[in-house]
Protein backbone atom coordinates (compact mmCIF):
# COMPACT_ATOMS: atom_id res chain seq x y z
CA MET A 1 -0.12 0.03 0.07
CA LEU A 2 2.92 2.36 0.81
CA TYR A 3 4.35 2.01 -2.65
CA ARG A 4 0.98 2.88 -4.20
CA LEU A 5 0.78 5.88 -2.09
CA ILE A 6 4.34 6.75 -3.21
CA THR A 7 3.85 6.15 -6.75
CA ILE A 8 0.69 8.50 -6.62
CA ILE A 9 2.57 11.32 -5.04
CA GLY A 10 5.36 10.81 -7.56
CA GLY A 11 3.17 10.82 -10.54
CA LEU A 12 1.63 14.14 -9.40
CA VAL A 13 4.94 15.54 -8.89
CA PHE A 14 5.76 14.62 -12.36
CA VAL A 15 2.54 16.27 -13.65
CA ALA A 16 3.84 19.36 -12.12
CA ALA A 17 7.48 18.92 -13.61
CA LEU A 18 5.76 18.40 -17.18
CA PHE A 19 3.91 21.62 -16.72
CA ALA A 20 7.05 23.49 -15.61
CA LEU A 21 8.82 22.01 -18.49
CA VAL A 22 6.35 23.17 -20.90
CA TRP A 23 6.25 26.53 -19.27
CA PHE A 24 10.19 26.81 -19.36
CA PHE A 25 10.38 25.75 -23.20
CA CYS A 26 7.22 28.26 -23.78
CA LYS A 27 9.22 31.00 -22.23
CA GLN A 28 12.36 30.36 -24.10
CA PHE A 29 10.33 30.19 -27.40
CA LEU A 30 8.85 33.66 -26.80
CA GLU A 31 12.25 35.30 -25.63
CA HIS A 32 13.88 33.74 -28.63
CA HIS A 33 11.47 35.30 -30.96
CA GLY A 34 11.98 38.68 -29.50
CA VAL A 35 8.99 38.85 -27.18
CA ARG A 36 9.67 41.07 -24.29
CA ASP A 37 6.38 42.40 -22.87
CA ASN A 38 4.68 40.14 -20.22
CA VAL A 39 6.77 37.33 -21.30
CA THR A 40 5.90 35.50 -18.07
CA ASP A 41 2.41 35.75 -18.35
CA ARG A 42 2.30 35.05 -22.09
CA ALA A 43 4.38 31.95 -21.35
CA THR A 44 1.76 31.03 -18.79
CA VAL A 45 -1.01 31.28 -21.11
CA LEU A 46 0.73 29.54 -23.97
CA ALA A 47 1.91 26.72 -21.56
CA THR A 48 -1.54 26.20 -20.07
CA TRP A 49 -3.18 25.91 -23.54
CA THR A 50 -0.42 23.57 -24.61
CA PHE A 51 -0.51 21.53 -21.63
CA ALA A 52 -4.25 21.13 -21.90
CA GLY A 53 -3.93 20.06 -25.35
CA MET A 54 -1.54 17.55 -24.31
CA SER A 55 -3.33 16.12 -21.59
CA VAL A 56 -6.45 15.57 -23.78
CA GLY A 57 -4.37 14.01 -26.18
CA LEU A 58 -2.80 11.77 -23.60
CA VAL A 59 -6.35 10.75 -22.31
CA PHE A 60 -7.74 9.46 -25.76
CA ALA A 61 -4.60 7.95 -27.29
CA VAL A 62 -1.04 8.75 -26.50
CA VAL A 63 -0.40 9.88 -30.14
CA GLY A 64 -3.16 12.25 -29.82
CA ALA A 65 -0.70 14.31 -27.46
CA PHE A 66 1.56 14.87 -30.29
CA ILE A 67 -1.26 16.22 -32.33
CA LEU A 68 -3.46 18.28 -29.89
CA GLY A 69 -0.34 19.75 -28.29
CA PRO A 70 1.33 21.25 -31.06
CA TRP A 71 -2.24 22.39 -32.27
CA ALA A 72 -2.95 24.19 -28.83
CA PHE A 73 0.47 25.76 -29.12
CA TYR A 74 -0.28 27.03 -32.53
CA ARG A 75 -3.73 28.38 -31.90
CA THR A 76 -2.62 30.00 -28.80
CA LEU A 77 0.55 31.55 -30.25
CA ARG A 78 -1.48 33.17 -33.12
CA GLY A 79 -3.20 35.37 -30.38
CA HIS A 80 0.25 36.65 -29.08
CA GLY A 81 1.39 38.31 -32.43
CA VAL A 82 4.72 36.48 -32.65
CA PRO A 83 6.25 37.02 -36.11
CA ILE A 84 6.70 33.15 -37.17
CA SER A 85 5.11 31.49 -40.06
CA ASP A 86 2.44 28.58 -39.32
CA GLY A 87 4.36 25.75 -40.19
CA ALA A 88 7.06 26.78 -38.00
CA ALA A 89 4.89 27.40 -35.04
CA VAL A 90 3.53 23.84 -35.44
CA TRP A 91 7.06 22.55 -35.62
CA TRP A 92 7.95 24.46 -32.48
CA GLY A 93 4.97 23.08 -30.74
CA PHE A 94 5.70 19.82 -31.52
CA GLY A 95 9.36 20.19 -30.40
CA ILE A 96 8.30 21.35 -26.99
CA VAL A 97 5.72 18.61 -26.71
CA LEU A 98 8.18 16.01 -27.53
CA ALA A 99 10.96 17.35 -25.19
CA SER A 100 8.64 17.96 -22.36
CA LEU A 101 6.99 14.58 -22.52
CA GLY A 102 10.41 12.73 -23.28
CA ILE A 103 12.12 14.46 -20.17
CA THR A 104 9.23 13.73 -17.98
CA ALA A 105 8.62 10.08 -19.28
CA LEU A 106 12.43 9.38 -18.42
CA GLY A 107 12.34 10.77 -15.10
CA PHE A 108 9.14 8.95 -14.10
CA PHE A 109 10.45 5.79 -15.30
CA GLY A 110 13.65 6.10 -13.40
CA PHE A 111 11.34 6.96 -10.22
CA LEU A 112 9.33 3.69 -10.59
CA VAL A 113 12.47 1.68 -11.10
CA ALA A 114 13.94 3.45 -8.00
CA VAL A 115 10.71 2.49 -5.90
CA GLY A 116 10.53 -1.02 -7.30
CA ALA A 117 7.30 -0.56 -9.19
CA TYR A 118 8.83 -1.57 -12.47
C-alpha cells in the first residue's frame, strides 16, 4: 500500500514537472522570438493551453498528445502576435511537446525503477 501512495504522489510531482517544463520551453521560445512584454504571463497562457492539449491527447490516445499539443500551441501563439510562420509554429509546438514529454517520461520511469514498481 505504501508503494502505491508513493507512486501516486510521485506521479503528481511529475505532472507538475511536466507543466514546468512546458512553461520553461514556451518562455524560451517567446524570448527567442523577441517577445519582451509580459513574457512570463504570455508563457503561462501558452503553456497552459499547450498542456491542456497534451493532456486531452494523452487521455484519448498517447499519439493524440503529439497532435493536440502542437495544435493548441499554434492556436494560442496566433493570439500573441509573434512573427513566425504557421508551419514553424506547429513544428516548435511539436518540439516543445516532444521534449517535455520525453524528459518527464524518462524521469518517471527512473522514479518507478527506484521505488521498485517496475
